Full PDB file with SEQRES, HELIX, SHEET, SSBOND, CRYST1, ORIGX, SCALE, CONECT and MASTER records, all heavy atoms in Angstrom:
SEQRES   1 A   42  LEU ILE ALA LEU ALA SER ALA VAL GLY ILE ALA ILE TYR          
SEQRES   2 A   42  THR ALA LEU THR TRP ALA GLY ILE THR LEU ALA THR ILE          
SEQRES   3 A   42  VAL ALA GLY TYR ILE ALA GLU ARG SER GLY THR PRO THR          
SEQRES   4 A   42  GLN TYR ASN                                                  
HELIX    1 AA1 ILE A    2  SER A   35  1                                  34    
CRYST1    1.000    1.000    1.000  90.00  90.00  90.00 P 1           1          
ORIGX1      1.000000  0.000000  0.000000        0.00000                         
ORIGX2      0.000000  1.000000  0.000000        0.00000                         
ORIGX3      0.000000  0.000000  1.000000        0.00000                         
SCALE1      1.000000  0.000000  0.000000        0.00000                         
SCALE2      0.000000  1.000000  0.000000        0.00000                         
SCALE3      0.000000  0.000000  1.000000        0.00000                         
ATOM      1  N   LEU A   1     103.627  88.656 116.420  1.00  0.00           N  
ATOM      2  CA  LEU A   1     103.938  90.061 116.248  1.00  0.00           C  
ATOM      3  C   LEU A   1     105.257  90.234 115.396  1.00  0.00           C  
ATOM      4  O   LEU A   1     105.372  91.131 114.624  1.00  0.00           O  
ATOM      5  CB  LEU A   1     104.035  90.682 117.596  1.00  0.00           C  
ATOM      6  CG  LEU A   1     102.672  90.892 118.333  1.00  0.00           C  
ATOM      7  CD1 LEU A   1     102.944  91.526 119.768  1.00  0.00           C  
ATOM      8  CD2 LEU A   1     101.758  91.782 117.446  1.00  0.00           C  
ATOM      9  N   ILE A   2     106.181  89.381 115.810  1.00  0.00           N  
ATOM     10  CA  ILE A   2     107.525  89.503 115.016  1.00  0.00           C  
ATOM     11  C   ILE A   2     107.350  89.221 113.518  1.00  0.00           C  
ATOM     12  O   ILE A   2     107.854  89.788 112.650  1.00  0.00           O  
ATOM     13  CB  ILE A   2     108.535  88.567 115.701  1.00  0.00           C  
ATOM     14  CG1 ILE A   2     108.994  89.169 117.090  1.00  0.00           C  
ATOM     15  CG2 ILE A   2     109.789  88.499 114.803  1.00  0.00           C  
ATOM     16  CD1 ILE A   2     109.856  88.278 117.952  1.00  0.00           C  
ATOM     17  N   ALA A   3     106.574  88.130 113.267  1.00  0.00           N  
ATOM     18  CA  ALA A   3     106.313  87.745 111.896  1.00  0.00           C  
ATOM     19  C   ALA A   3     105.526  88.784 111.151  1.00  0.00           C  
ATOM     20  O   ALA A   3     105.899  89.112 109.981  1.00  0.00           O  
ATOM     21  CB  ALA A   3     105.584  86.359 111.853  1.00  0.00           C  
ATOM     22  N   LEU A   4     104.564  89.402 111.741  1.00  0.00           N  
ATOM     23  CA  LEU A   4     103.798  90.473 111.110  1.00  0.00           C  
ATOM     24  C   LEU A   4     104.689  91.790 110.803  1.00  0.00           C  
ATOM     25  O   LEU A   4     104.583  92.378 109.827  1.00  0.00           O  
ATOM     26  CB  LEU A   4     102.549  90.808 111.871  1.00  0.00           C  
ATOM     27  CG  LEU A   4     101.465  89.752 111.823  1.00  0.00           C  
ATOM     28  CD1 LEU A   4     100.267  90.142 112.671  1.00  0.00           C  
ATOM     29  CD2 LEU A   4     101.019  89.365 110.399  1.00  0.00           C  
ATOM     30  N   ALA A   5     105.480  91.994 111.800  1.00  0.00           N  
ATOM     31  CA  ALA A   5     106.333  93.198 111.661  1.00  0.00           C  
ATOM     32  C   ALA A   5     107.402  92.879 110.542  1.00  0.00           C  
ATOM     33  O   ALA A   5     107.702  93.787 109.748  1.00  0.00           O  
ATOM     34  CB  ALA A   5     107.161  93.449 112.942  1.00  0.00           C  
ATOM     35  N   SER A   6     107.872  91.583 110.483  1.00  0.00           N  
ATOM     36  CA  SER A   6     108.790  91.269 109.327  1.00  0.00           C  
ATOM     37  C   SER A   6     108.023  91.253 107.986  1.00  0.00           C  
ATOM     38  O   SER A   6     108.568  91.772 106.988  1.00  0.00           O  
ATOM     39  CB  SER A   6     109.222  89.849 109.627  1.00  0.00           C  
ATOM     40  OG  SER A   6     110.029  89.701 110.768  1.00  0.00           O  
ATOM     41  N   ALA A   7     106.791  90.841 107.966  1.00  0.00           N  
ATOM     42  CA  ALA A   7     106.001  90.908 106.735  1.00  0.00           C  
ATOM     43  C   ALA A   7     105.807  92.344 106.253  1.00  0.00           C  
ATOM     44  O   ALA A   7     105.855  92.694 105.054  1.00  0.00           O  
ATOM     45  CB  ALA A   7     104.626  90.228 106.924  1.00  0.00           C  
ATOM     46  N   VAL A   8     105.529  93.267 107.233  1.00  0.00           N  
ATOM     47  CA  VAL A   8     105.351  94.751 106.879  1.00  0.00           C  
ATOM     48  C   VAL A   8     106.716  95.276 106.367  1.00  0.00           C  
ATOM     49  O   VAL A   8     106.767  96.015 105.347  1.00  0.00           O  
ATOM     50  CB  VAL A   8     104.924  95.532 108.134  1.00  0.00           C  
ATOM     51  CG1 VAL A   8     105.070  97.004 107.862  1.00  0.00           C  
ATOM     52  CG2 VAL A   8     103.521  95.136 108.443  1.00  0.00           C  
ATOM     53  N   GLY A   9     107.799  94.864 106.945  1.00  0.00           N  
ATOM     54  CA  GLY A   9     109.111  95.275 106.452  1.00  0.00           C  
ATOM     55  C   GLY A   9     109.426  94.810 105.058  1.00  0.00           C  
ATOM     56  O   GLY A   9     109.951  95.445 104.183  1.00  0.00           O  
ATOM     57  N   ILE A  10     109.083  93.519 104.738  1.00  0.00           N  
ATOM     58  CA  ILE A  10     109.248  92.889 103.416  1.00  0.00           C  
ATOM     59  C   ILE A  10     108.342  93.644 102.423  1.00  0.00           C  
ATOM     60  O   ILE A  10     108.764  94.008 101.343  1.00  0.00           O  
ATOM     61  CB  ILE A  10     108.959  91.446 103.432  1.00  0.00           C  
ATOM     62  CG1 ILE A  10     109.984  90.626 104.238  1.00  0.00           C  
ATOM     63  CG2 ILE A  10     108.813  90.913 101.992  1.00  0.00           C  
ATOM     64  CD1 ILE A  10     109.605  89.286 104.503  1.00  0.00           C  
ATOM     65  N   ALA A  11     107.148  93.963 102.802  1.00  0.00           N  
ATOM     66  CA  ALA A  11     106.213  94.729 101.912  1.00  0.00           C  
ATOM     67  C   ALA A  11     106.764  96.163 101.571  1.00  0.00           C  
ATOM     68  O   ALA A  11     106.658  96.580 100.439  1.00  0.00           O  
ATOM     69  CB  ALA A  11     104.905  94.781 102.529  1.00  0.00           C  
ATOM     70  N   ILE A  12     107.272  96.806 102.557  1.00  0.00           N  
ATOM     71  CA  ILE A  12     107.821  98.210 102.353  1.00  0.00           C  
ATOM     72  C   ILE A  12     109.023  98.083 101.443  1.00  0.00           C  
ATOM     73  O   ILE A  12     109.181  98.857 100.457  1.00  0.00           O  
ATOM     74  CB  ILE A  12     108.176  98.795 103.709  1.00  0.00           C  
ATOM     75  CG1 ILE A  12     106.897  99.174 104.448  1.00  0.00           C  
ATOM     76  CG2 ILE A  12     108.958 100.154 103.426  1.00  0.00           C  
ATOM     77  CD1 ILE A  12     107.083  99.656 105.817  1.00  0.00           C  
ATOM     78  N   TYR A  13     109.984  97.187 101.671  1.00  0.00           N  
ATOM     79  CA  TYR A  13     111.170  96.962 100.900  1.00  0.00           C  
ATOM     80  C   TYR A  13     110.731  96.639  99.456  1.00  0.00           C  
ATOM     81  O   TYR A  13     111.383  97.179  98.437  1.00  0.00           O  
ATOM     82  CB  TYR A  13     112.027  95.866 101.463  1.00  0.00           C  
ATOM     83  CG  TYR A  13     113.278  95.656 100.705  1.00  0.00           C  
ATOM     84  CD1 TYR A  13     114.429  96.577 100.829  1.00  0.00           C  
ATOM     85  CD2 TYR A  13     113.399  94.613  99.751  1.00  0.00           C  
ATOM     86  CE1 TYR A  13     115.568  96.370 100.155  1.00  0.00           C  
ATOM     87  CE2 TYR A  13     114.592  94.437  99.065  1.00  0.00           C  
ATOM     88  CZ  TYR A  13     115.642  95.315  99.172  1.00  0.00           C  
ATOM     89  OH  TYR A  13     116.741  95.143  98.439  1.00  0.00           O  
ATOM     90  N   THR A  14     109.717  95.784  99.267  1.00  0.00           N  
ATOM     91  CA  THR A  14     109.283  95.410  97.941  1.00  0.00           C  
ATOM     92  C   THR A  14     108.753  96.592  97.223  1.00  0.00           C  
ATOM     93  O   THR A  14     109.041  96.785  95.995  1.00  0.00           O  
ATOM     94  CB  THR A  14     108.217  94.303  98.036  1.00  0.00           C  
ATOM     95  OG1 THR A  14     108.831  93.193  98.662  1.00  0.00           O  
ATOM     96  CG2 THR A  14     107.776  93.880  96.710  1.00  0.00           C  
ATOM     97  N   ALA A  15     107.873  97.433  97.902  1.00  0.00           N  
ATOM     98  CA  ALA A  15     107.321  98.531  97.291  1.00  0.00           C  
ATOM     99  C   ALA A  15     108.406  99.586  96.767  1.00  0.00           C  
ATOM    100  O   ALA A  15     108.362 100.101  95.704  1.00  0.00           O  
ATOM    101  CB  ALA A  15     106.285  99.187  98.197  1.00  0.00           C  
ATOM    102  N   LEU A  16     109.392  99.827  97.696  1.00  0.00           N  
ATOM    103  CA  LEU A  16     110.415 100.717  97.300  1.00  0.00           C  
ATOM    104  C   LEU A  16     111.288 100.203  96.102  1.00  0.00           C  
ATOM    105  O   LEU A  16     111.631 101.003  95.265  1.00  0.00           O  
ATOM    106  CB  LEU A  16     111.339 101.043  98.557  1.00  0.00           C  
ATOM    107  CG  LEU A  16     110.674 101.813  99.590  1.00  0.00           C  
ATOM    108  CD1 LEU A  16     111.678 101.924 100.803  1.00  0.00           C  
ATOM    109  CD2 LEU A  16     110.323 103.175  99.113  1.00  0.00           C  
ATOM    110  N   THR A  17     111.600  98.947  96.210  1.00  0.00           N  
ATOM    111  CA  THR A  17     112.330  98.339  95.015  1.00  0.00           C  
ATOM    112  C   THR A  17     111.576  98.429  93.752  1.00  0.00           C  
ATOM    113  O   THR A  17     112.056  98.767  92.651  1.00  0.00           O  
ATOM    114  CB  THR A  17     112.690  96.890  95.303  1.00  0.00           C  
ATOM    115  OG1 THR A  17     113.429  96.848  96.621  1.00  0.00           O  
ATOM    116  CG2 THR A  17     113.596  96.300  94.291  1.00  0.00           C  
ATOM    117  N   TRP A  18     110.213  98.025  93.846  1.00  0.00           N  
ATOM    118  CA  TRP A  18     109.366  98.074  92.606  1.00  0.00           C  
ATOM    119  C   TRP A  18     109.346  99.538  92.144  1.00  0.00           C  
ATOM    120  O   TRP A  18     109.407  99.745  90.922  1.00  0.00           O  
ATOM    121  CB  TRP A  18     107.936  97.589  92.997  1.00  0.00           C  
ATOM    122  CG  TRP A  18     107.104  97.731  91.914  1.00  0.00           C  
ATOM    123  CD1 TRP A  18     106.862  96.861  90.798  1.00  0.00           C  
ATOM    124  CD2 TRP A  18     106.018  98.768  91.779  1.00  0.00           C  
ATOM    125  NE1 TRP A  18     105.879  97.450  90.003  1.00  0.00           N  
ATOM    126  CE2 TRP A  18     105.355  98.569  90.510  1.00  0.00           C  
ATOM    127  CE3 TRP A  18     105.706  99.910  92.510  1.00  0.00           C  
ATOM    128  CZ2 TRP A  18     104.438  99.411  90.112  1.00  0.00           C  
ATOM    129  CZ3 TRP A  18     104.806 100.771  92.010  1.00  0.00           C  
ATOM    130  CH2 TRP A  18     103.998 100.427  90.866  1.00  0.00           C  
ATOM    131  N   ALA A  19     109.265 100.541  92.970  1.00  0.00           N  
ATOM    132  CA  ALA A  19     109.089 101.933  92.543  1.00  0.00           C  
ATOM    133  C   ALA A  19     110.380 102.328  91.773  1.00  0.00           C  
ATOM    134  O   ALA A  19     110.352 103.077  90.779  1.00  0.00           O  
ATOM    135  CB  ALA A  19     108.842 102.862  93.726  1.00  0.00           C  
ATOM    136  N   GLY A  20     111.583 101.968  92.289  1.00  0.00           N  
ATOM    137  CA  GLY A  20     112.823 102.288  91.703  1.00  0.00           C  
ATOM    138  C   GLY A  20     112.930 101.576  90.216  1.00  0.00           C  
ATOM    139  O   GLY A  20     113.349 102.248  89.361  1.00  0.00           O  
ATOM    140  N   ILE A  21     112.582 100.397  90.179  1.00  0.00           N  
ATOM    141  CA  ILE A  21     112.561  99.725  88.894  1.00  0.00           C  
ATOM    142  C   ILE A  21     111.540 100.379  87.886  1.00  0.00           C  
ATOM    143  O   ILE A  21     111.860 100.407  86.764  1.00  0.00           O  
ATOM    144  CB  ILE A  21     112.392  98.146  89.100  1.00  0.00           C  
ATOM    145  CG1 ILE A  21     113.590  97.559  89.856  1.00  0.00           C  
ATOM    146  CG2 ILE A  21     112.225  97.500  87.743  1.00  0.00           C  
ATOM    147  CD1 ILE A  21     113.304  96.173  90.295  1.00  0.00           C  
ATOM    148  N   THR A  22     110.482 100.618  88.460  1.00  0.00           N  
ATOM    149  CA  THR A  22     109.405 101.263  87.548  1.00  0.00           C  
ATOM    150  C   THR A  22     109.964 102.606  86.994  1.00  0.00           C  
ATOM    151  O   THR A  22     109.692 102.938  85.859  1.00  0.00           O  
ATOM    152  CB  THR A  22     108.075 101.374  88.312  1.00  0.00           C  
ATOM    153  OG1 THR A  22     107.671 100.171  88.758  1.00  0.00           O  
ATOM    154  CG2 THR A  22     107.000 101.989  87.446  1.00  0.00           C  
ATOM    155  N   LEU A  23     110.561 103.349  87.909  1.00  0.00           N  
ATOM    156  CA  LEU A  23     111.216 104.658  87.478  1.00  0.00           C  
ATOM    157  C   LEU A  23     112.159 104.389  86.317  1.00  0.00           C  
ATOM    158  O   LEU A  23     112.209 105.216  85.302  1.00  0.00           O  
ATOM    159  CB  LEU A  23     111.815 105.383  88.645  1.00  0.00           C  
ATOM    160  CG  LEU A  23     112.396 106.709  88.336  1.00  0.00           C  
ATOM    161  CD1 LEU A  23     111.415 107.743  87.792  1.00  0.00           C  
ATOM    162  CD2 LEU A  23     113.085 107.291  89.566  1.00  0.00           C  
ATOM    163  N   ALA A  24     113.061 103.413  86.486  1.00  0.00           N  
ATOM    164  CA  ALA A  24     114.064 103.086  85.483  1.00  0.00           C  
ATOM    165  C   ALA A  24     113.353 102.677  84.165  1.00  0.00           C  
ATOM    166  O   ALA A  24     113.784 103.046  83.052  1.00  0.00           O  
ATOM    167  CB  ALA A  24     114.912 101.958  85.901  1.00  0.00           C  
ATOM    168  N   THR A  25     112.239 102.050  84.247  1.00  0.00           N  
ATOM    169  CA  THR A  25     111.421 101.603  83.091  1.00  0.00           C  
ATOM    170  C   THR A  25     110.817 102.855  82.350  1.00  0.00           C  
ATOM    171  O   THR A  25     110.834 102.883  81.172  1.00  0.00           O  
ATOM    172  CB  THR A  25     110.203 100.672  83.549  1.00  0.00           C  
ATOM    173  OG1 THR A  25     110.781  99.455  84.169  1.00  0.00           O  
ATOM    174  CG2 THR A  25     109.449 100.244  82.260  1.00  0.00           C  
ATOM    175  N   ILE A  26     110.383 103.778  83.130  1.00  0.00           N  
ATOM    176  CA  ILE A  26     109.808 105.035  82.565  1.00  0.00           C  
ATOM    177  C   ILE A  26     110.951 105.779  81.883  1.00  0.00           C  
ATOM    178  O   ILE A  26     110.664 106.293  80.696  1.00  0.00           O  
ATOM    179  CB  ILE A  26     109.084 105.812  83.586  1.00  0.00           C  
ATOM    180  CG1 ILE A  26     107.889 105.063  84.166  1.00  0.00           C  
ATOM    181  CG2 ILE A  26     108.811 107.222  83.182  1.00  0.00           C  
ATOM    182  CD1 ILE A  26     107.158 105.709  85.385  1.00  0.00           C  
ATOM    183  N   VAL A  27     112.043 105.856  82.503  1.00  0.00           N  
ATOM    184  CA  VAL A  27     113.232 106.640  81.888  1.00  0.00           C  
ATOM    185  C   VAL A  27     113.617 105.996  80.615  1.00  0.00           C  
ATOM    186  O   VAL A  27     113.838 106.654  79.580  1.00  0.00           O  
ATOM    187  CB  VAL A  27     114.342 106.792  82.903  1.00  0.00           C  
ATOM    188  CG1 VAL A  27     115.654 107.232  82.142  1.00  0.00           C  
ATOM    189  CG2 VAL A  27     113.990 107.621  84.035  1.00  0.00           C  
ATOM    190  N   ALA A  28     113.745 104.657  80.615  1.00  0.00           N  
ATOM    191  CA  ALA A  28     114.156 103.940  79.392  1.00  0.00           C  
ATOM    192  C   ALA A  28     113.105 104.043  78.275  1.00  0.00           C  
ATOM    193  O   ALA A  28     113.457 104.233  77.146  1.00  0.00           O  
ATOM    194  CB  ALA A  28     114.364 102.437  79.741  1.00  0.00           C  
ATOM    195  N   GLY A  29     111.876 104.155  78.707  1.00  0.00           N  
ATOM    196  CA  GLY A  29     110.799 104.251  77.650  1.00  0.00           C  
ATOM    197  C   GLY A  29     110.774 105.703  77.097  1.00  0.00           C  
ATOM    198  O   GLY A  29     110.532 105.931  75.943  1.00  0.00           O  
ATOM    199  N   TYR A  30     111.160 106.678  78.021  1.00  0.00           N  
ATOM    200  CA  TYR A  30     111.195 108.035  77.547  1.00  0.00           C  
ATOM    201  C   TYR A  30     112.282 108.215  76.530  1.00  0.00           C  
ATOM    202  O   TYR A  30     112.245 108.946  75.520  1.00  0.00           O  
ATOM    203  CB  TYR A  30     111.415 109.003  78.745  1.00  0.00           C  
ATOM    204  CG  TYR A  30     111.594 110.427  78.397  1.00  0.00           C  
ATOM    205  CD1 TYR A  30     110.498 111.175  78.005  1.00  0.00           C  
ATOM    206  CD2 TYR A  30     112.824 111.008  78.366  1.00  0.00           C  
ATOM    207  CE1 TYR A  30     110.652 112.429  77.616  1.00  0.00           C  
ATOM    208  CE2 TYR A  30     112.906 112.356  78.024  1.00  0.00           C  
ATOM    209  CZ  TYR A  30     111.913 113.148  77.635  1.00  0.00           C  
ATOM    210  OH  TYR A  30     112.022 114.437  77.319  1.00  0.00           O  
ATOM    211  N   ILE A  31     113.485 107.593  76.853  1.00  0.00           N  
ATOM    212  CA  ILE A  31     114.578 107.637  75.897  1.00  0.00           C  
ATOM    213  C   ILE A  31     114.206 107.036  74.574  1.00  0.00           C  
ATOM    214  O   ILE A  31     114.592 107.569  73.558  1.00  0.00           O  
ATOM    215  CB  ILE A  31     115.850 107.002  76.546  1.00  0.00           C  
ATOM    216  CG1 ILE A  31     116.408 107.786  77.766  1.00  0.00           C  
ATOM    217  CG2 ILE A  31     116.896 106.823  75.519  1.00  0.00           C  
ATOM    218  CD1 ILE A  31     117.413 107.135  78.522  1.00  0.00           C  
ATOM    219  N   ALA A  32     113.522 105.915  74.625  1.00  0.00           N  
ATOM    220  CA  ALA A  32     113.127 105.210  73.426  1.00  0.00           C  
ATOM    221  C   ALA A  32     112.159 106.145  72.574  1.00  0.00           C  
ATOM    222  O   ALA A  32     112.336 106.231  71.420  1.00  0.00           O  
ATOM    223  CB  ALA A  32     112.526 103.815  73.711  1.00  0.00           C  
ATOM    224  N   GLU A  33     111.330 106.727  73.377  1.00  0.00           N  
ATOM    225  CA  GLU A  33     110.317 107.578  72.655  1.00  0.00           C  
ATOM    226  C   GLU A  33     110.899 108.849  71.956  1.00  0.00           C  
ATOM    227  O   GLU A  33     110.619 109.202  70.886  1.00  0.00           O  
ATOM    228  CB  GLU A  33     109.194 108.132  73.662  1.00  0.00           C  
ATOM    229  CG  GLU A  33     108.127 108.874  72.995  1.00  0.00           C  
ATOM    230  CD  GLU A  33     107.141 109.381  74.009  1.00  0.00           C  
ATOM    231  OE1 GLU A  33     106.953 108.766  74.979  1.00  0.00           O  
ATOM    232  OE2 GLU A  33     106.447 110.442  73.753  1.00  0.00           O  
ATOM    233  N   ARG A  34     111.892 109.482  72.725  1.00  0.00           N  
ATOM    234  CA  ARG A  34     112.533 110.650  72.225  1.00  0.00           C  
ATOM    235  C   ARG A  34     113.539 110.385  71.182  1.00  0.00           C  
ATOM    236  O   ARG A  34     113.893 111.219  70.344  1.00  0.00           O  
ATOM    237  CB  ARG A  34     113.250 111.437  73.384  1.00  0.00           C  
ATOM    238  CG  ARG A  34     112.376 111.907  74.445  1.00  0.00           C  
ATOM    239  CD  ARG A  34     111.444 112.972  74.053  1.00  0.00           C  
ATOM    240  NE  ARG A  34     112.375 114.117  73.733  1.00  0.00           N  
ATOM    241  CZ  ARG A  34     111.872 115.217  73.213  1.00  0.00           C  
ATOM    242  NH1 ARG A  34     110.658 115.369  72.952  1.00  0.00           N  
ATOM    243  NH2 ARG A  34     112.706 116.259  72.935  1.00  0.00           N  
ATOM    244  N   SER A  35     113.906 109.111  71.007  1.00  0.00           N  
ATOM    245  CA  SER A  35     115.008 108.824  70.015  1.00  0.00           C  
ATOM    246  C   SER A  35     114.344 108.367  68.621  1.00  0.00           C  
ATOM    247  O   SER A  35     115.128 108.002  67.718  1.00  0.00           O  
ATOM    248  CB  SER A  35     115.995 107.806  70.509  1.00  0.00           C  
ATOM    249  OG  SER A  35     115.332 106.586  70.727  1.00  0.00           O  
ATOM    250  N   GLY A  36     113.100 108.211  68.582  1.00  0.00           N  
ATOM    251  CA  GLY A  36     112.535 107.690  67.345  1.00  0.00           C  
ATOM    252  C   GLY A  36     110.973 107.700  67.354  1.00  0.00           C  
ATOM    253  O   GLY A  36     110.395 108.472  68.198  1.00  0.00           O  
ATOM    254  N   THR A  37     110.472 106.757  66.792  1.00  0.00           N  
ATOM    255  CA  THR A  37     108.928 106.621  66.807  1.00  0.00           C  
ATOM    256  C   THR A  37     108.505 106.088  68.170  1.00  0.00           C  
ATOM    257  O   THR A  37     109.197 105.375  68.881  1.00  0.00           O  
ATOM    258  CB  THR A  37     108.455 105.570  65.785  1.00  0.00           C  
ATOM    259  OG1 THR A  37     109.090 104.330  65.986  1.00  0.00           O  
ATOM    260  CG2 THR A  37     108.817 106.057  64.366  1.00  0.00           C  
ATOM    261  N   PRO A  38     107.320 106.463  68.595  1.00  0.00           N  
ATOM    262  CA  PRO A  38     106.818 106.041  69.952  1.00  0.00           C  
ATOM    263  C   PRO A  38     106.782 104.492  70.075  1.00  0.00           C  
ATOM    264  O   PRO A  38     106.490 103.796  69.106  1.00  0.00           O  
ATOM    265  CB  PRO A  38     105.487 106.663  70.042  1.00  0.00           C  
ATOM    266  CG  PRO A  38     105.416 107.758  69.085  1.00  0.00           C  
ATOM    267  CD  PRO A  38     106.428 107.276  67.962  1.00  0.00           C  
ATOM    268  N   THR A  39     107.029 103.985  71.249  1.00  0.00           N  
ATOM    269  CA  THR A  39     106.905 102.607  71.535  1.00  0.00           C  
ATOM    270  C   THR A  39     105.779 102.346  72.525  1.00  0.00           C  
ATOM    271  O   THR A  39     105.050 103.271  72.897  1.00  0.00           O  
ATOM    272  CB  THR A  39     108.276 102.106  72.178  1.00  0.00           C  
ATOM    273  OG1 THR A  39     108.413 102.756  73.463  1.00  0.00           O  
ATOM    274  CG2 THR A  39     109.346 102.326  71.291  1.00  0.00           C  
ATOM    275  N   GLN A  40     105.712 101.209  72.981  1.00  0.00           N  
ATOM    276  CA  GLN A  40     104.573 100.894  74.056  1.00  0.00           C  
ATOM    277  C   GLN A  40     104.877 101.355  75.383  1.00  0.00           C  
ATOM    278  O   GLN A  40     104.085 101.394  76.300  1.00  0.00           O  
ATOM    279  CB  GLN A  40     104.387  99.357  74.067  1.00  0.00           C  
ATOM    280  CG  GLN A  40     105.539  98.593  74.654  1.00  0.00           C  
ATOM    281  CD  GLN A  40     105.298  97.193  74.751  1.00  0.00           C  
ATOM    282  OE1 GLN A  40     104.331  96.675  74.623  1.00  0.00           O  
ATOM    283  NE2 GLN A  40     106.342  96.347  75.143  1.00  0.00           N  
ATOM    284  N   TYR A  41     106.155 101.960  75.590  1.00  0.00           N  
ATOM    285  CA  TYR A  41     106.524 102.479  76.848  1.00  0.00           C  
ATOM    286  C   TYR A  41     106.451 103.965  76.886  1.00  0.00           C  
ATOM    287  O   TYR A  41     107.456 104.667  76.992  1.00  0.00           O  
ATOM    288  CB  TYR A  41     107.992 101.965  77.272  1.00  0.00           C  
ATOM    289  CG  TYR A  41     108.030 100.532  77.442  1.00  0.00           C  
ATOM    290  CD1 TYR A  41     108.435  99.660  76.496  1.00  0.00           C  
ATOM    291  CD2 TYR A  41     107.593  99.989  78.680  1.00  0.00           C  
ATOM    292  CE1 TYR A  41     108.563  98.400  76.713  1.00  0.00           C  
ATOM    293  CE2 TYR A  41     107.615  98.711  78.923  1.00  0.00           C  
ATOM    294  CZ  TYR A  41     108.163  97.821  77.884  1.00  0.00           C  
ATOM    295  OH  TYR A  41     108.201  96.499  78.140  1.00  0.00           O  
ATOM    296  N   ASN A  42     105.207 104.548  76.673  1.00  0.00           N  
ATOM    297  CA  ASN A  42     105.126 105.975  76.681  1.00  0.00           C  
ATOM    298  C   ASN A  42     105.053 106.430  78.101  1.00  0.00           C  
ATOM    299  O   ASN A  42     104.121 106.100  78.786  1.00  0.00           O  
ATOM    300  CB  ASN A  42     103.857 106.390  75.877  1.00  0.00           C  
ATOM    301  CG  ASN A  42     104.008 106.090  74.398  1.00  0.00           C  
ATOM    302  OD1 ASN A  42     105.089 106.034  73.866  1.00  0.00           O  
ATOM    303  ND2 ASN A  42     102.829 105.660  73.768  1.00  0.00           N  
TER     304      ASN A  42                                                      
MASTER        0    0    0    1    0    0    0    6  303    1    0    4          
END                                                                             
């Protein structure tokens, strides 16, 4: 039970971290798109 609870905690932390990094990727892609020709990060 402790191990499974820890695994759920790790999964939640990973999902939140991934979401934050993905948001930063989208923002950087938006800046790249608005500053010139479109890139692969639309």
